[in-house]
């Protein structure tokens, strides 16, 4: 008997040659959630656990042809965007999302790698704010990304709720403000939607994870593809990433831990 196809999710992001983040992490997360993963590669990075040494942006016509190929054939239940790299790519993806109208869109506004390399052009932030974020069902910035989107520093927990409200005002239907970069003893992720705030707290682990943001956004997309609503999807995805980080390992010579999917 032929098997019934699993739900299908799409990641639109950059490739990580080190296998810990980007497209590679996204597809691992989809597979772990029993979701068939599709990919549209926006950029090719040369990186490992010690840093990013080069970034090559895929030409727009090839990004467009990848999008056409997957949307013309597969019943895509959820889409996740990650590294887009430039304003022109961001605008193209936003245009396609408006035209294709996926049931769920998770936007991870990837701007800077764990090692500090810039992964989004300065002028692309404006394109993201104006064109892509208003389409998002779930927006998943970390604190530095939220600062870049809002143009102000976020240092204290009492500032985070105001930031969450301001990010919602950009047009996203919900926001997961990730707390990994805060000085709080625990990692506190804060989810904001029309019903208020939901806090998700986990012990801070004594290691530096690689690909946590990519994996979290992909896990949310996978949960949405499997039929869960955003609050439940986010709660389950945060737990998944924490468990994967507990199982993390160091495959290379750097200090970064890749998640144990």
Protein backbone atom coordinates (compact mmCIF):
# COMPACT_ATOMS: atom_id res chain seq x y z
CA UNK A 1 0.00 0.00 0.00
CA UNK A 2 1.39 3.45 -0.90
CA UNK A 3 1.96 5.70 2.08
CA UNK A 4 -0.01 8.90 2.53
CA UNK A 5 2.26 11.88 1.98
CA UNK A 6 3.10 13.84 5.13
CA UNK A 7 2.39 17.57 5.47
CA UNK A 8 4.71 19.73 3.40
CA UNK A 9 6.69 22.78 4.55
CA UNK A 10 9.01 25.07 2.61
CA UNK A 11 12.13 26.87 3.81
CA UNK A 12 13.41 29.90 1.91
CA UNK A 13 16.89 30.53 3.28
CA UNK A 14 20.65 30.33 2.85
CA UNK A 15 22.79 27.22 2.77
CA UNK A 16 25.27 26.50 5.60
CA UNK A 17 28.22 24.47 4.33
CA UNK A 18 28.95 23.47 7.95
CA UNK A 19 25.57 21.74 8.25
CA UNK A 20 24.49 23.37 11.51
CA UNK A 21 22.23 26.24 10.49
CA UNK A 22 20.31 27.54 7.47
CA UNK A 23 18.71 25.20 4.96
CA UNK A 24 20.47 22.20 6.48
CA UNK A 25 19.08 22.83 9.96
CA UNK A 26 15.63 23.60 8.54
CA UNK A 27 15.38 20.31 6.70
CA UNK A 28 16.58 18.38 9.75
CA UNK A 29 13.88 20.06 11.85
CA UNK A 30 11.20 19.31 9.25
CA UNK A 31 12.25 15.67 9.10
CA UNK A 32 12.26 15.34 12.89
CA UNK A 33 8.65 16.61 12.88
CA UNK A 34 7.61 14.12 10.16
CA UNK A 35 7.08 16.90 7.64
CA UNK A 36 8.29 16.72 4.04
CA UNK A 37 10.71 19.59 3.55
CA UNK A 38 11.13 21.70 0.43
CA UNK A 39 13.84 24.32 -0.01
CA UNK A 40 14.49 27.49 -1.96
CA UNK A 41 18.13 28.51 -1.55
CA UNK A 42 18.71 32.26 -1.49
CA UNK A 43 22.43 32.29 -0.75
CA UNK A 44 25.42 29.99 -0.54
CA UNK A 45 27.63 30.61 2.48
CA UNK A 46 31.14 29.31 3.10
CA UNK A 47 31.10 28.62 6.83
CA UNK A 48 31.97 26.22 9.58
CA UNK A 49 31.87 26.26 13.37
CA UNK A 50 34.51 29.01 13.42
CA UNK A 51 32.82 31.59 11.20
CA UNK A 52 31.52 32.70 7.81
CA UNK A 53 34.20 33.38 5.20
CA UNK A 54 32.09 34.11 2.11
CA UNK A 55 28.50 34.68 1.01
CA UNK A 56 27.25 34.32 -2.55
CA UNK A 57 23.70 35.49 -3.23
CA UNK A 58 21.79 33.33 -5.71
CA UNK A 59 20.63 35.36 -8.75
CA UNK A 60 17.02 36.51 -8.55
CA UNK A 61 15.93 34.54 -11.64
CA UNK A 62 17.10 31.32 -10.01
CA UNK A 63 15.36 32.10 -6.73
CA UNK A 64 12.19 32.84 -8.69
CA UNK A 65 12.48 29.59 -10.66
CA UNK A 66 12.89 27.58 -7.44
CA UNK A 67 9.78 29.22 -5.98
CA UNK A 68 7.81 28.48 -9.14
CA UNK A 69 8.98 24.86 -9.17
CA UNK A 70 7.87 24.06 -5.63
CA UNK A 71 4.63 26.05 -5.57
CA UNK A 72 3.52 24.69 -8.94
CA UNK A 73 3.79 21.07 -7.77
CA UNK A 74 3.40 20.72 -4.00
CA UNK A 75 0.51 21.50 -1.60
CA UNK A 76 2.63 23.62 0.73
CA UNK A 77 1.10 23.88 4.20
CA UNK A 78 3.60 26.33 5.74
CA UNK A 79 6.52 28.51 4.67
CA UNK A 80 9.50 29.65 6.71
CA UNK A 81 11.87 32.39 5.57
CA UNK A 82 15.39 32.73 6.92
CA UNK A 83 18.46 34.38 5.40
CA UNK A 84 17.36 36.53 2.47
CA UNK A 85 20.50 38.63 2.20
CA UNK A 86 19.41 41.63 0.16
CA UNK A 87 16.53 44.03 -0.38
CA UNK A 88 15.89 42.67 -3.88
CA UNK A 89 15.57 39.09 -2.62
CA UNK A 90 13.35 40.23 0.27
CA UNK A 91 11.05 42.07 -2.13
CA UNK A 92 10.90 39.08 -4.48
CA UNK A 93 9.98 36.69 -1.67
CA UNK A 94 7.36 39.12 -0.34
CA UNK A 95 5.85 39.47 -3.83
CA UNK A 96 5.66 35.69 -4.22
CA UNK A 97 4.11 35.25 -0.77
CA UNK A 98 1.43 37.82 -1.60
CA UNK A 99 0.68 35.98 -4.84
CA UNK A 100 0.87 32.41 -3.48
CA UNK A 101 -0.86 33.10 -0.15
CA UNK A 102 0.47 30.17 1.91
CA UNK A 103 -1.75 29.25 4.85
CA UNK A 104 1.09 29.97 7.29
CA UNK A 105 4.19 32.14 6.98
CA UNK A 106 6.94 32.19 9.63
CA UNK A 107 9.49 35.00 9.18
CA UNK A 108 12.85 34.63 10.88
CA UNK A 109 14.53 38.02 10.21
CA UNK A 110 18.08 36.66 9.95
CA UNK A 111 20.55 39.53 10.07
CA UNK A 112 23.77 38.46 11.81
CA UNK A 113 25.32 34.99 12.18
CA UNK A 114 26.31 33.51 15.54
CA UNK A 115 29.93 34.32 14.69
CA UNK A 116 29.08 37.97 13.95
CA UNK A 117 28.99 37.98 10.13
CA UNK A 118 26.32 40.25 8.65
CA UNK A 119 23.80 38.21 6.64
CA UNK A 120 21.35 40.97 5.65
CA UNK A 121 22.18 44.21 3.82
CA UNK A 122 21.37 47.44 5.65
CA UNK A 123 18.86 48.49 2.98
CA UNK A 124 17.12 45.12 3.19
CA UNK A 125 15.84 45.89 6.70
CA UNK A 126 13.49 48.52 5.27
CA UNK A 127 12.21 46.08 2.65
CA UNK A 128 11.59 43.48 5.35
CA UNK A 129 9.70 45.93 7.56
CA UNK A 130 7.60 47.33 4.75
CA UNK A 131 6.88 44.25 2.63
CA UNK A 132 7.56 40.91 4.33
CA UNK A 133 6.80 41.33 8.03
CA UNK A 134 3.20 42.50 7.39
CA UNK A 135 2.59 39.09 5.77
CA UNK A 136 3.97 37.07 8.70
CA UNK A 137 1.79 34.86 10.86
CA UNK A 138 4.73 34.43 13.26
CA UNK A 139 7.77 36.74 13.41
CA UNK A 140 10.75 35.31 15.32
CA UNK A 141 13.44 37.94 16.05
CA UNK A 142 16.16 37.59 18.66
CA UNK A 143 16.99 40.71 20.67
CA UNK A 144 19.65 42.13 18.28
CA UNK A 145 17.28 41.62 15.35
CA UNK A 146 14.43 43.29 17.25
CA UNK A 147 16.75 46.22 17.98
CA UNK A 148 17.56 46.54 14.28
CA UNK A 149 13.90 46.36 13.28
CA UNK A 150 12.80 48.92 15.87
CA UNK A 151 15.86 51.16 15.86
CA UNK A 152 16.37 51.11 19.63
CA UNK A 153 18.31 49.22 22.27
CA UNK A 154 16.64 46.50 24.36
CA UNK A 155 18.51 45.83 27.56
CA UNK A 156 16.00 45.29 30.37
CA UNK A 157 13.07 42.84 30.68
CA UNK A 158 10.65 45.72 31.22
CA UNK A 159 11.54 46.97 27.73
CA UNK A 160 10.72 43.66 26.07
CA UNK A 161 6.93 43.89 26.33
CA UNK A 162 6.95 47.33 24.74
CA UNK A 163 9.16 45.92 22.00
CA UNK A 164 6.73 43.03 21.47
CA UNK A 165 3.86 45.48 21.04
CA UNK A 166 5.92 47.59 18.64
CA UNK A 167 6.83 44.54 16.56
CA UNK A 168 3.15 43.55 16.35
CA UNK A 169 2.44 47.06 15.15
CA UNK A 170 4.67 46.37 12.12
CA UNK A 171 1.89 44.06 10.90
CA UNK A 172 2.87 40.54 11.97
CA UNK A 173 -0.02 38.57 13.48
CA UNK A 174 2.18 37.26 16.27
CA UNK A 175 5.75 37.74 17.50
CA UNK A 176 8.12 35.38 19.29
CA UNK A 177 10.81 37.57 20.89
CA UNK A 178 13.65 35.17 21.63
CA UNK A 179 15.52 35.68 24.90
CA UNK A 180 18.79 33.90 24.30
CA UNK A 181 20.76 37.17 24.08
CA UNK A 182 19.36 38.69 27.28
CA UNK A 183 21.15 38.82 30.63
CA UNK A 184 18.34 36.99 32.40
CA UNK A 185 19.36 33.92 34.39
CA UNK A 186 16.96 31.70 32.45
CA UNK A 187 16.24 31.91 28.75
CA UNK A 188 12.81 33.55 28.55
CA UNK A 189 11.13 33.58 25.14
CA UNK A 190 8.10 35.88 24.95
CA UNK A 191 5.24 35.26 22.53
CA UNK A 192 2.89 38.14 21.70
CA UNK A 193 -0.41 38.06 19.87
CA UNK A 194 -3.85 39.64 20.11
CA UNK A 195 -4.47 37.68 23.33
CA UNK A 196 -1.46 39.09 25.18
CA UNK A 197 1.90 37.64 26.16
CA UNK A 198 2.95 34.05 26.85
CA UNK A 199 6.32 33.47 28.53
CA UNK A 200 8.33 30.30 27.87
CA UNK A 201 11.18 29.78 30.33
CA UNK A 202 14.06 27.29 30.17
CA UNK A 203 17.33 26.93 32.09
CA UNK A 204 20.23 28.59 30.28
CA UNK A 205 22.61 25.87 29.10
CA UNK A 206 26.40 26.41 29.43
CA UNK A 207 27.13 26.20 25.71
CA UNK A 208 26.82 28.26 22.54
CA UNK A 209 24.39 26.76 20.10
CA UNK A 210 24.58 27.05 16.31
CA UNK A 211 21.41 27.10 14.24
CA UNK A 212 19.01 27.57 17.14
CA UNK A 213 17.08 30.40 15.49
CA UNK A 214 16.79 28.61 12.16
CA UNK A 215 15.66 25.44 13.88
CA UNK A 216 13.10 27.20 16.05
CA UNK A 217 11.42 28.97 13.14
CA UNK A 218 11.41 25.74 11.13
CA UNK A 219 9.97 23.75 14.03
CA UNK A 220 7.18 26.33 14.35
CA UNK A 221 6.46 26.05 10.61
CA UNK A 222 6.43 22.26 10.89
CA UNK A 223 3.98 22.35 13.80
CA UNK A 224 1.74 24.74 11.85
CA UNK A 225 1.92 22.43 8.83
CA UNK A 226 0.77 19.59 11.08
CA UNK A 227 -2.34 21.52 12.05
CA UNK A 228 -1.44 23.32 15.27
CA UNK A 229 -2.29 26.96 15.94
CA UNK A 230 0.51 29.48 16.59
CA UNK A 231 0.50 29.43 20.42
CA UNK A 232 0.66 25.64 20.56
CA UNK A 233 3.15 25.50 17.68
CA UNK A 234 5.47 27.98 19.39
CA UNK A 235 5.26 26.24 22.77
CA UNK A 236 6.12 22.86 21.26
CA UNK A 237 8.86 24.26 19.03
CA UNK A 238 10.60 26.04 21.92
CA UNK A 239 10.62 22.78 23.87
CA UNK A 240 11.98 20.92 20.85
CA UNK A 241 14.91 23.33 20.43
CA UNK A 242 15.78 23.16 24.13
CA UNK A 243 15.90 19.36 23.99
CA UNK A 244 17.95 19.45 20.78
CA UNK A 245 20.37 21.88 22.40
CA UNK A 246 20.72 19.54 25.39
CA UNK A 247 21.77 16.88 22.87
CA UNK A 248 24.11 19.29 21.06
CA UNK A 249 27.60 18.31 20.00
CA UNK A 250 30.77 19.92 18.61
CA UNK A 251 31.48 18.49 15.14
CA UNK A 252 34.24 20.96 14.25
CA UNK A 253 37.12 22.83 15.78
CA UNK A 254 35.09 25.82 16.95
CA UNK A 255 33.22 26.31 20.21
CA UNK A 256 29.77 26.14 18.58
CA UNK A 257 27.45 23.24 19.35
CA UNK A 258 25.25 21.90 16.55
CA UNK A 259 21.80 20.79 17.64
CA UNK A 260 21.04 17.13 18.14
CA UNK A 261 17.89 16.83 16.04
